[in-house]
Amino acid sequence: MTKAPDLAIAETADRHQSMIVLAFLAMALNYIAAGATLIAPPEIGTYIDMIRIGMAVVTVGLILPVLLWKVLQLPKEARHLYFRRDGYVAQSMIRAHKVSWAITFVFMAGLESVLGQRFNEIPGQFFIDLVLAVMLSSMGIAFFLFNRGDDDLDGEEDSGA
């Protein structure tokens, strides 16, 4: 039988992984804004920079509590529970990473074929920002789609019992 503190640590780890994924989505928005500054008119650039600062604050606000909790609150004897990879949320994260890699690869291949000769006209930093945005956003969206199915299953089990 699993002890209540063990469940609390596992639930905290799941919640922290969700916070990290939200930070990934904020980082994706930041990369989209960074790419936009390279191709947008200069007068719009200041507004885009404000958006980037906001996304950076959101990213730090989501990641910093997780890191501080790991360092300050997590007892050494409970770390094996926190870092386990056999839970549903941890497996969703791993699956989302795989999906993200595949989507990014297909996106890069498709982008090259769609742009053709125009590929050289656009700054290289734009493509780096674009690829990072696609990678992070596809990982975040895939993660939440995988976890959405778990909540639906739990609701069905509870109502049927």
N, C-alpha and C. Protein backbone atom coordinates (compact mmCIF):
# COMPACT_ATOMS: atom_id res chain seq x y z
N MET A 1 0.86 -1.19 0.00
CA MET A 1 0.00 0.00 0.00
C MET A 1 0.89 1.23 0.00
N THR A 2 0.55 2.25 -0.81
CA THR A 2 1.34 3.46 -0.91
C THR A 2 0.98 4.41 0.21
N LYS A 3 2.01 4.98 0.82
CA LYS A 3 1.80 5.91 1.91
C LYS A 3 1.36 7.26 1.37
N ALA A 4 0.64 8.03 2.18
CA ALA A 4 0.14 9.35 1.78
C ALA A 4 1.28 10.30 1.41
N PRO A 5 2.39 10.37 2.18
CA PRO A 5 3.48 11.27 1.77
C PRO A 5 4.06 10.89 0.40
N ASP A 6 4.09 9.60 0.09
CA ASP A 6 4.59 9.17 -1.22
C ASP A 6 3.67 9.69 -2.33
N LEU A 7 2.36 9.63 -2.09
CA LEU A 7 1.41 10.14 -3.09
C LEU A 7 1.55 11.64 -3.24
N ALA A 8 1.75 12.35 -2.13
CA ALA A 8 1.91 13.80 -2.20
C ALA A 8 3.14 14.18 -3.02
N ILE A 9 4.22 13.45 -2.86
CA ILE A 9 5.44 13.73 -3.62
C ILE A 9 5.22 13.44 -5.09
N ALA A 10 4.54 12.34 -5.40
CA ALA A 10 4.26 12.00 -6.79
C ALA A 10 3.34 13.04 -7.43
N GLU A 11 2.32 13.48 -6.70
CA GLU A 11 1.42 14.51 -7.23
C GLU A 11 2.16 15.83 -7.43
N THR A 12 3.06 16.15 -6.52
CA THR A 12 3.86 17.37 -6.67
C THR A 12 4.75 17.27 -7.89
N ALA A 13 5.34 16.12 -8.12
CA ALA A 13 6.17 15.93 -9.31
C ALA A 13 5.34 16.10 -10.58
N ASP A 14 4.13 15.57 -10.59
CA ASP A 14 3.24 15.73 -11.75
C ASP A 14 2.90 17.19 -11.98
N ARG A 15 2.57 17.89 -10.91
CA ARG A 15 2.24 19.31 -11.00
C ARG A 15 3.44 20.12 -11.50
N HIS A 16 4.63 19.77 -11.03
CA HIS A 16 5.84 20.47 -11.45
C HIS A 16 6.11 20.23 -12.94
N GLN A 17 5.88 19.02 -13.41
CA GLN A 17 6.10 18.77 -14.83
C GLN A 17 5.13 19.59 -15.67
N SER A 18 3.91 19.75 -15.21
CA SER A 18 2.95 20.59 -15.93
C SER A 18 3.41 22.05 -15.94
N MET A 19 3.98 22.51 -14.83
CA MET A 19 4.50 23.88 -14.78
C MET A 19 5.66 24.06 -15.75
N ILE A 20 6.51 23.07 -15.83
CA ILE A 20 7.64 23.14 -16.76
C ILE A 20 7.14 23.20 -18.20
N VAL A 21 6.11 22.44 -18.52
CA VAL A 21 5.56 22.46 -19.87
C VAL A 21 4.93 23.82 -20.17
N LEU A 22 4.26 24.42 -19.20
CA LEU A 22 3.74 25.77 -19.39
C LEU A 22 4.88 26.76 -19.65
N ALA A 23 5.99 26.55 -18.97
CA ALA A 23 7.16 27.40 -19.21
C ALA A 23 7.68 27.18 -20.63
N PHE A 24 7.65 25.95 -21.11
CA PHE A 24 8.04 25.68 -22.50
C PHE A 24 7.16 26.46 -23.47
N LEU A 25 5.85 26.48 -23.20
CA LEU A 25 4.94 27.21 -24.08
C LEU A 25 5.22 28.72 -24.04
N ALA A 26 5.54 29.24 -22.85
CA ALA A 26 5.91 30.66 -22.75
C ALA A 26 7.21 30.92 -23.51
N MET A 27 8.15 30.00 -23.43
CA MET A 27 9.39 30.14 -24.19
C MET A 27 9.12 30.11 -25.69
N ALA A 28 8.18 29.27 -26.12
CA ALA A 28 7.82 29.20 -27.54
C ALA A 28 7.28 30.55 -28.00
N LEU A 29 6.41 31.16 -27.20
CA LEU A 29 5.90 32.49 -27.54
C LEU A 29 7.03 33.52 -27.61
N ASN A 30 7.99 33.37 -26.71
CA ASN A 30 9.15 34.27 -26.72
C ASN A 30 9.95 34.10 -28.01
N TYR A 31 10.15 32.88 -28.46
CA TYR A 31 10.86 32.65 -29.72
C TYR A 31 10.07 33.16 -30.93
N ILE A 32 8.76 33.03 -30.88
CA ILE A 32 7.93 33.58 -31.95
C ILE A 32 8.10 35.10 -32.00
N ALA A 33 8.06 35.73 -30.84
CA ALA A 33 8.24 37.18 -30.78
C ALA A 33 9.65 37.58 -31.24
N ALA A 34 10.65 36.79 -30.87
CA ALA A 34 12.02 37.08 -31.30
C ALA A 34 12.14 37.01 -32.82
N GLY A 35 11.53 36.00 -33.41
CA GLY A 35 11.54 35.89 -34.87
C GLY A 35 10.79 37.04 -35.52
N ALA A 36 9.69 37.45 -34.88
CA ALA A 36 8.90 38.55 -35.44
C ALA A 36 9.68 39.86 -35.44
N THR A 37 10.53 40.08 -34.46
CA THR A 37 11.32 41.32 -34.43
C THR A 37 12.27 41.39 -35.62
N LEU A 38 12.67 40.25 -36.14
CA LEU A 38 13.61 40.24 -37.27
C LEU A 38 12.95 40.62 -38.59
N ILE A 39 11.64 40.41 -38.69
CA ILE A 39 10.97 40.70 -39.96
C ILE A 39 9.92 41.80 -39.84
N ALA A 40 9.63 42.27 -38.63
CA ALA A 40 8.62 43.31 -38.42
C ALA A 40 9.24 44.69 -38.60
N PRO A 41 8.42 45.68 -38.89
CA PRO A 41 8.92 47.06 -38.95
C PRO A 41 9.48 47.50 -37.59
N PRO A 42 10.49 48.36 -37.60
CA PRO A 42 11.14 48.77 -36.33
C PRO A 42 10.19 49.40 -35.31
N GLU A 43 9.17 50.13 -35.76
CA GLU A 43 8.26 50.77 -34.80
C GLU A 43 7.44 49.76 -34.01
N ILE A 44 7.25 48.57 -34.55
CA ILE A 44 6.53 47.51 -33.83
C ILE A 44 7.48 46.75 -32.90
N GLY A 45 8.77 46.84 -33.18
CA GLY A 45 9.78 46.10 -32.41
C GLY A 45 9.74 46.37 -30.92
N THR A 46 9.45 47.62 -30.51
CA THR A 46 9.42 47.91 -29.07
C THR A 46 8.28 47.17 -28.38
N TYR A 47 7.14 47.06 -29.06
CA TYR A 47 6.01 46.31 -28.48
C TYR A 47 6.33 44.82 -28.40
N ILE A 48 6.97 44.33 -29.40
CA ILE A 48 7.34 42.91 -29.40
C ILE A 48 8.36 42.64 -28.30
N ASP A 49 9.28 43.57 -28.07
CA ASP A 49 10.25 43.41 -26.99
C ASP A 49 9.56 43.36 -25.63
N MET A 50 8.49 44.14 -25.46
CA MET A 50 7.74 44.09 -24.20
C MET A 50 7.08 42.73 -24.02
N ILE A 51 6.57 42.18 -25.10
CA ILE A 51 5.98 40.83 -25.04
C ILE A 51 7.05 39.82 -24.64
N ARG A 52 8.23 39.96 -25.22
CA ARG A 52 9.32 39.03 -24.90
C ARG A 52 9.71 39.12 -23.43
N ILE A 53 9.75 40.32 -22.90
CA ILE A 53 10.08 40.49 -21.47
C ILE A 53 9.00 39.83 -20.62
N GLY A 54 7.74 40.01 -20.99
CA GLY A 54 6.65 39.37 -20.25
C GLY A 54 6.75 37.86 -20.28
N MET A 55 7.06 37.29 -21.43
CA MET A 55 7.18 35.83 -21.55
C MET A 55 8.39 35.33 -20.75
N ALA A 56 9.45 36.12 -20.71
CA ALA A 56 10.61 35.72 -19.90
C ALA A 56 10.26 35.70 -18.42
N VAL A 57 9.49 36.68 -17.97
CA VAL A 57 9.06 36.72 -16.57
C VAL A 57 8.15 35.53 -16.26
N VAL A 58 7.24 35.21 -17.16
CA VAL A 58 6.36 34.06 -16.96
C VAL A 58 7.18 32.77 -16.89
N THR A 59 8.16 32.64 -17.79
CA THR A 59 9.00 31.45 -17.80
C THR A 59 9.74 31.28 -16.49
N VAL A 60 10.37 32.35 -16.03
CA VAL A 60 11.10 32.29 -14.75
C VAL A 60 10.13 32.04 -13.61
N GLY A 61 8.95 32.66 -13.66
CA GLY A 61 7.95 32.46 -12.61
C GLY A 61 7.44 31.04 -12.52
N LEU A 62 7.48 30.31 -13.63
CA LEU A 62 7.04 28.91 -13.61
C LEU A 62 8.16 27.95 -13.23
N ILE A 63 9.38 28.27 -13.62
CA ILE A 63 10.49 27.35 -13.38
C ILE A 63 11.12 27.55 -12.01
N LEU A 64 11.25 28.77 -11.56
CA LEU A 64 11.93 29.05 -10.29
C LEU A 64 11.29 28.36 -9.09
N PRO A 65 9.96 28.38 -8.93
CA PRO A 65 9.39 27.66 -7.78
C PRO A 65 9.69 26.16 -7.80
N VAL A 66 9.70 25.58 -8.99
CA VAL A 66 10.00 24.15 -9.10
C VAL A 66 11.42 23.88 -8.64
N LEU A 67 12.36 24.68 -9.12
CA LEU A 67 13.75 24.48 -8.73
C LEU A 67 13.96 24.71 -7.24
N LEU A 68 13.36 25.75 -6.70
CA LEU A 68 13.51 26.03 -5.28
C LEU A 68 12.91 24.90 -4.44
N TRP A 69 11.76 24.38 -4.85
CA TRP A 69 11.14 23.30 -4.09
C TRP A 69 12.04 22.08 -4.10
N LYS A 70 12.62 21.78 -5.27
CA LYS A 70 13.51 20.61 -5.35
C LYS A 70 14.69 20.76 -4.43
N VAL A 71 15.27 21.95 -4.39
CA VAL A 71 16.48 22.17 -3.60
C VAL A 71 16.16 22.29 -2.12
N LEU A 72 15.12 23.03 -1.77
CA LEU A 72 14.88 23.36 -0.37
C LEU A 72 13.93 22.41 0.35
N GLN A 73 12.93 21.88 -0.33
CA GLN A 73 11.88 21.14 0.36
C GLN A 73 11.95 19.63 0.22
N LEU A 74 12.57 19.15 -0.83
CA LEU A 74 12.54 17.72 -1.11
C LEU A 74 13.55 16.98 -0.24
N PRO A 75 13.07 16.12 0.67
CA PRO A 75 13.99 15.34 1.49
C PRO A 75 14.78 14.35 0.63
N LYS A 76 16.01 14.09 1.02
CA LYS A 76 16.87 13.20 0.23
C LYS A 76 16.26 11.82 0.07
N GLU A 77 15.59 11.32 1.09
CA GLU A 77 15.03 9.97 1.00
C GLU A 77 13.80 9.91 0.08
N ALA A 78 13.24 11.07 -0.29
CA ALA A 78 12.06 11.09 -1.15
C ALA A 78 12.40 11.41 -2.61
N ARG A 79 13.65 11.67 -2.90
CA ARG A 79 14.01 12.07 -4.26
C ARG A 79 13.75 10.98 -5.28
N HIS A 80 13.89 9.73 -4.89
CA HIS A 80 13.63 8.65 -5.85
C HIS A 80 12.16 8.65 -6.28
N LEU A 81 11.26 9.06 -5.39
CA LEU A 81 9.84 9.14 -5.76
C LEU A 81 9.57 10.31 -6.70
N TYR A 82 10.25 11.40 -6.46
CA TYR A 82 10.03 12.60 -7.26
C TYR A 82 10.51 12.41 -8.70
N PHE A 83 11.62 11.73 -8.86
CA PHE A 83 12.23 11.60 -10.19
C PHE A 83 11.86 10.30 -10.90
N ARG A 84 10.88 9.58 -10.42
CA ARG A 84 10.46 8.34 -11.09
C ARG A 84 9.92 8.64 -12.48
N ARG A 85 10.17 7.74 -13.40
CA ARG A 85 9.73 7.92 -14.78
C ARG A 85 8.65 6.94 -15.18
N ASP A 86 8.05 6.23 -14.21
CA ASP A 86 7.03 5.25 -14.59
C ASP A 86 5.61 5.76 -14.37
N GLY A 87 5.44 6.99 -13.93
CA GLY A 87 4.11 7.55 -13.75
C GLY A 87 3.51 8.00 -15.07
N TYR A 88 2.20 8.21 -15.07
CA TYR A 88 1.50 8.58 -16.29
C TYR A 88 1.98 9.93 -16.82
N VAL A 89 2.15 10.91 -15.95
CA VAL A 89 2.57 12.25 -16.40
C VAL A 89 4.00 12.20 -16.94
N ALA A 90 4.87 11.46 -16.28
CA ALA A 90 6.24 11.33 -16.77
C ALA A 90 6.27 10.65 -18.13
N GLN A 91 5.45 9.63 -18.30
CA GLN A 91 5.38 8.97 -19.60
C GLN A 91 4.78 9.89 -20.67
N SER A 92 3.82 10.72 -20.28
CA SER A 92 3.26 11.70 -21.21
C SER A 92 4.33 12.69 -21.66
N MET A 93 5.19 13.07 -20.73
CA MET A 93 6.29 14.00 -21.07
C MET A 93 7.24 13.35 -22.07
N ILE A 94 7.57 12.10 -21.85
CA ILE A 94 8.47 11.39 -22.76
C ILE A 94 7.82 11.26 -24.14
N ARG A 95 6.55 10.89 -24.19
CA ARG A 95 5.85 10.78 -25.47
C ARG A 95 5.77 12.14 -26.17
N ALA A 96 5.53 13.19 -25.42
CA ALA A 96 5.45 14.53 -26.00
C ALA A 96 6.80 14.96 -26.58
N HIS A 97 7.89 14.59 -25.92
CA HIS A 97 9.22 14.89 -26.47
C HIS A 97 9.41 14.20 -27.81
N LYS A 98 9.00 12.95 -27.90
CA LYS A 98 9.14 12.21 -29.16
C LYS A 98 8.29 12.83 -30.27
N VAL A 99 7.05 13.17 -29.95
CA VAL A 99 6.17 13.80 -30.93
C VAL A 99 6.75 15.14 -31.38
N SER A 100 7.25 15.89 -30.43
CA SER A 100 7.84 17.20 -30.73
C SER A 100 9.02 17.07 -31.69
N TRP A 101 9.86 16.09 -31.43
CA TRP A 101 11.02 15.90 -32.31
C TRP A 101 10.55 15.57 -33.73
N ALA A 102 9.58 14.70 -33.85
CA ALA A 102 9.09 14.31 -35.17
C ALA A 102 8.43 15.49 -35.89
N ILE A 103 7.61 16.25 -35.19
CA ILE A 103 6.95 17.41 -35.80
C ILE A 103 7.98 18.44 -36.24
N THR A 104 8.98 18.68 -35.41
CA THR A 104 10.02 19.65 -35.76
C THR A 104 10.80 19.20 -36.98
N PHE A 105 11.12 17.93 -37.05
CA PHE A 105 11.85 17.40 -38.20
C PHE A 105 11.04 17.57 -39.48
N VAL A 106 9.77 17.20 -39.45
CA VAL A 106 8.91 17.33 -40.63
C VAL A 106 8.74 18.81 -40.99
N PHE A 107 8.59 19.66 -40.00
CA PHE A 107 8.45 21.10 -40.24
C PHE A 107 9.69 21.65 -40.93
N MET A 108 10.87 21.28 -40.46
CA MET A 108 12.11 21.78 -41.07
C MET A 108 12.24 21.30 -42.51
N ALA A 109 11.92 20.06 -42.76
CA ALA A 109 12.00 19.53 -44.12
C ALA A 109 10.97 20.23 -45.02
N GLY A 110 9.78 20.42 -44.52
CA GLY A 110 8.75 21.10 -45.30
C GLY A 110 9.07 22.56 -45.54
N LEU A 111 9.64 23.21 -44.54
CA LEU A 111 9.99 24.63 -44.68
C LEU A 111 11.02 24.83 -45.78
N GLU A 112 11.99 23.97 -45.82
CA GLU A 112 13.03 24.08 -46.85
C GLU A 112 12.44 23.90 -48.24
N SER A 113 11.53 22.95 -48.39
CA SER A 113 10.96 22.72 -49.72
C SER A 113 9.97 23.82 -50.12
N VAL A 114 9.27 24.40 -49.17
CA VAL A 114 8.31 25.45 -49.48
C VAL A 114 9.01 26.76 -49.85
N LEU A 115 10.06 27.10 -49.13
CA LEU A 115 10.73 28.38 -49.38
C LEU A 115 11.62 28.37 -50.61
N GLY A 116 12.23 27.26 -50.91
CA GLY A 116 13.09 27.16 -52.09
C GLY A 116 14.20 28.20 -52.09
N GLN A 117 14.26 29.02 -53.13
CA GLN A 117 15.33 30.03 -53.26
C GLN A 117 15.16 31.20 -52.29
N ARG A 118 13.95 31.44 -51.83
CA ARG A 118 13.72 32.53 -50.87
C ARG A 118 14.35 32.24 -49.51
N PHE A 119 14.79 31.02 -49.32
CA PHE A 119 15.41 30.60 -48.06
C PHE A 119 16.59 31.50 -47.70
N ASN A 120 17.35 31.93 -48.70
CA ASN A 120 18.55 32.74 -48.46
C ASN A 120 18.23 34.20 -48.18
N GLU A 121 17.03 34.65 -48.46
CA GLU A 121 16.65 36.04 -48.27
C GLU A 121 16.27 36.37 -46.82
N ILE A 122 15.95 35.36 -46.05
CA ILE A 122 15.49 35.56 -44.67
C ILE A 122 16.66 35.30 -43.72
N PRO A 123 16.81 36.16 -42.68
CA PRO A 123 17.93 35.97 -41.74
C PRO A 123 17.92 34.59 -41.08
N GLY A 124 19.09 34.03 -40.88
CA GLY A 124 19.21 32.71 -40.26
C GLY A 124 18.64 32.65 -38.86
N GLN A 125 18.78 33.74 -38.10
CA GLN A 125 18.25 33.77 -36.73
C GLN A 125 16.74 33.58 -36.72
N PHE A 126 16.07 34.05 -37.75
CA PHE A 126 14.62 33.87 -37.85
C PHE A 126 14.27 32.39 -37.87
N PHE A 127 15.02 31.61 -38.64
CA PHE A 127 14.74 30.18 -38.74
C PHE A 127 15.05 29.45 -37.44
N ILE A 128 16.10 29.88 -36.77
CA ILE A 128 16.43 29.27 -35.47
C ILE A 128 15.28 29.53 -34.48
N ASP A 129 14.82 30.78 -34.43
CA ASP A 129 13.71 31.11 -33.53
C ASP A 129 12.45 30.34 -33.91
N LEU A 130 12.20 30.24 -35.19
CA LEU A 130 11.00 29.54 -35.67
C LEU A 130 11.03 28.05 -35.32
N VAL A 131 12.16 27.42 -35.53
CA VAL A 131 12.29 25.99 -35.22
C VAL A 131 12.17 25.74 -33.72
N LEU A 132 12.79 26.59 -32.91
CA LEU A 132 12.67 26.43 -31.46
C LEU A 132 11.22 26.64 -31.01
N ALA A 133 10.53 27.60 -31.62
CA ALA A 133 9.13 27.83 -31.27
C ALA A 133 8.28 26.62 -31.63
N VAL A 134 8.50 26.05 -32.80
CA VAL A 134 7.74 24.86 -33.22
C VAL A 134 8.03 23.69 -32.28
N MET A 135 9.29 23.51 -31.94
CA MET A 135 9.67 22.39 -31.08
C MET A 135 9.03 22.51 -29.70
N LEU A 136 9.14 23.68 -29.08
CA LEU A 136 8.62 23.86 -27.73
C LEU A 136 7.09 23.85 -27.70
N SER A 137 6.47 24.51 -28.67
CA SER A 137 5.01 24.54 -28.66
C SER A 137 4.41 23.17 -28.98
N SER A 138 5.01 22.44 -29.91
CA SER A 138 4.47 21.11 -30.22
C SER A 138 4.65 20.16 -29.04
N MET A 139 5.73 20.32 -28.30
CA MET A 139 5.93 19.49 -27.11
C MET A 139 4.88 19.83 -26.06
N GLY A 140 4.65 21.11 -25.83
CA GLY A 140 3.66 21.52 -24.82
C GLY A 140 2.25 21.09 -25.18
N ILE A 141 1.88 21.30 -26.44
CA ILE A 141 0.53 20.93 -26.88
C ILE A 141 0.34 19.41 -26.81
N ALA A 142 1.34 18.66 -27.26
CA ALA A 142 1.25 17.19 -27.20
C ALA A 142 1.13 16.71 -25.76
N PHE A 143 1.91 17.30 -24.87
CA PHE A 143 1.86 16.91 -23.45
C PHE A 143 0.46 17.11 -22.89
N PHE A 144 -0.12 18.26 -23.14
CA PHE A 144 -1.45 18.52 -22.57
C PHE A 144 -2.53 17.70 -23.26
N LEU A 145 -2.37 17.38 -24.52
CA LEU A 145 -3.32 16.49 -25.19
C LEU A 145 -3.25 15.08 -24.61
N PHE A 146 -2.04 14.60 -24.34
CA PHE A 146 -1.89 13.27 -23.74
C PHE A 146 -2.50 13.24 -22.34
N ASN A 147 -2.32 14.28 -21.57
CA ASN A 147 -2.85 14.32 -20.20
C ASN A 147 -4.34 14.56 -20.15
N ARG A 148 -4.89 15.20 -21.16
CA ARG A 148 -6.33 15.45 -21.20
C ARG A 148 -7.09 14.13 -21.22
N GLY A 149 -6.59 13.16 -21.93
CA GLY A 149 -7.22 11.85 -22.00
C GLY A 149 -7.25 11.15 -20.66
N ASP A 150 -6.24 11.36 -19.84
CA ASP A 150 -6.18 10.73 -18.53
C ASP A 150 -7.28 11.27 -17.63
N ASP A 151 -7.53 12.58 -17.66
CA ASP A 151 -8.58 13.16 -16.83
C ASP A 151 -9.94 12.62 -17.23
N ASP A 152 -10.17 12.46 -18.53
CA ASP A 152 -11.46 11.94 -18.99
C ASP A 152 -11.67 10.51 -18.49
N LEU A 153 -10.62 9.71 -18.51
CA LEU A 153 -10.75 8.33 -18.05
C LEU A 153 -11.04 8.27 -16.56
N ASP A 154 -10.39 9.15 -15.78
CA ASP A 154 -10.64 9.16 -14.35
C ASP A 154 -12.09 9.53 -14.06
N GLY A 155 -12.63 10.48 -14.81
CA GLY A 155 -14.02 10.90 -14.59
C GLY A 155 -14.99 9.77 -14.90
N GLU A 156 -14.70 8.99 -15.94
CA GLU A 156 -15.58 7.89 -16.30
C GLU A 156 -15.56 6.80 -15.24
N GLU A 157 -14.38 6.54 -14.68
CA GLU A 157 -14.29 5.50 -13.66
C GLU A 157 -15.04 5.90 -12.40
N ASP A 158 -14.93 7.21 -12.04
CA ASP A 158 -15.59 7.68 -10.83
C ASP A 158 -17.11 7.63 -10.97
N SER A 159 -17.63 8.00 -12.14
CA SER A 159 -19.07 8.04 -12.30
C SER A 159 -19.68 6.64 -12.43
N GLY A 160 -18.87 5.68 -12.89
CA GLY A 160 -19.39 4.32 -13.08
C GLY A 160 -19.36 3.50 -11.81
N ALA A 161 -18.65 3.93 -10.80
CA ALA A 161 -18.51 3.14 -9.59
C ALA A 161 -19.62 3.36 -8.60
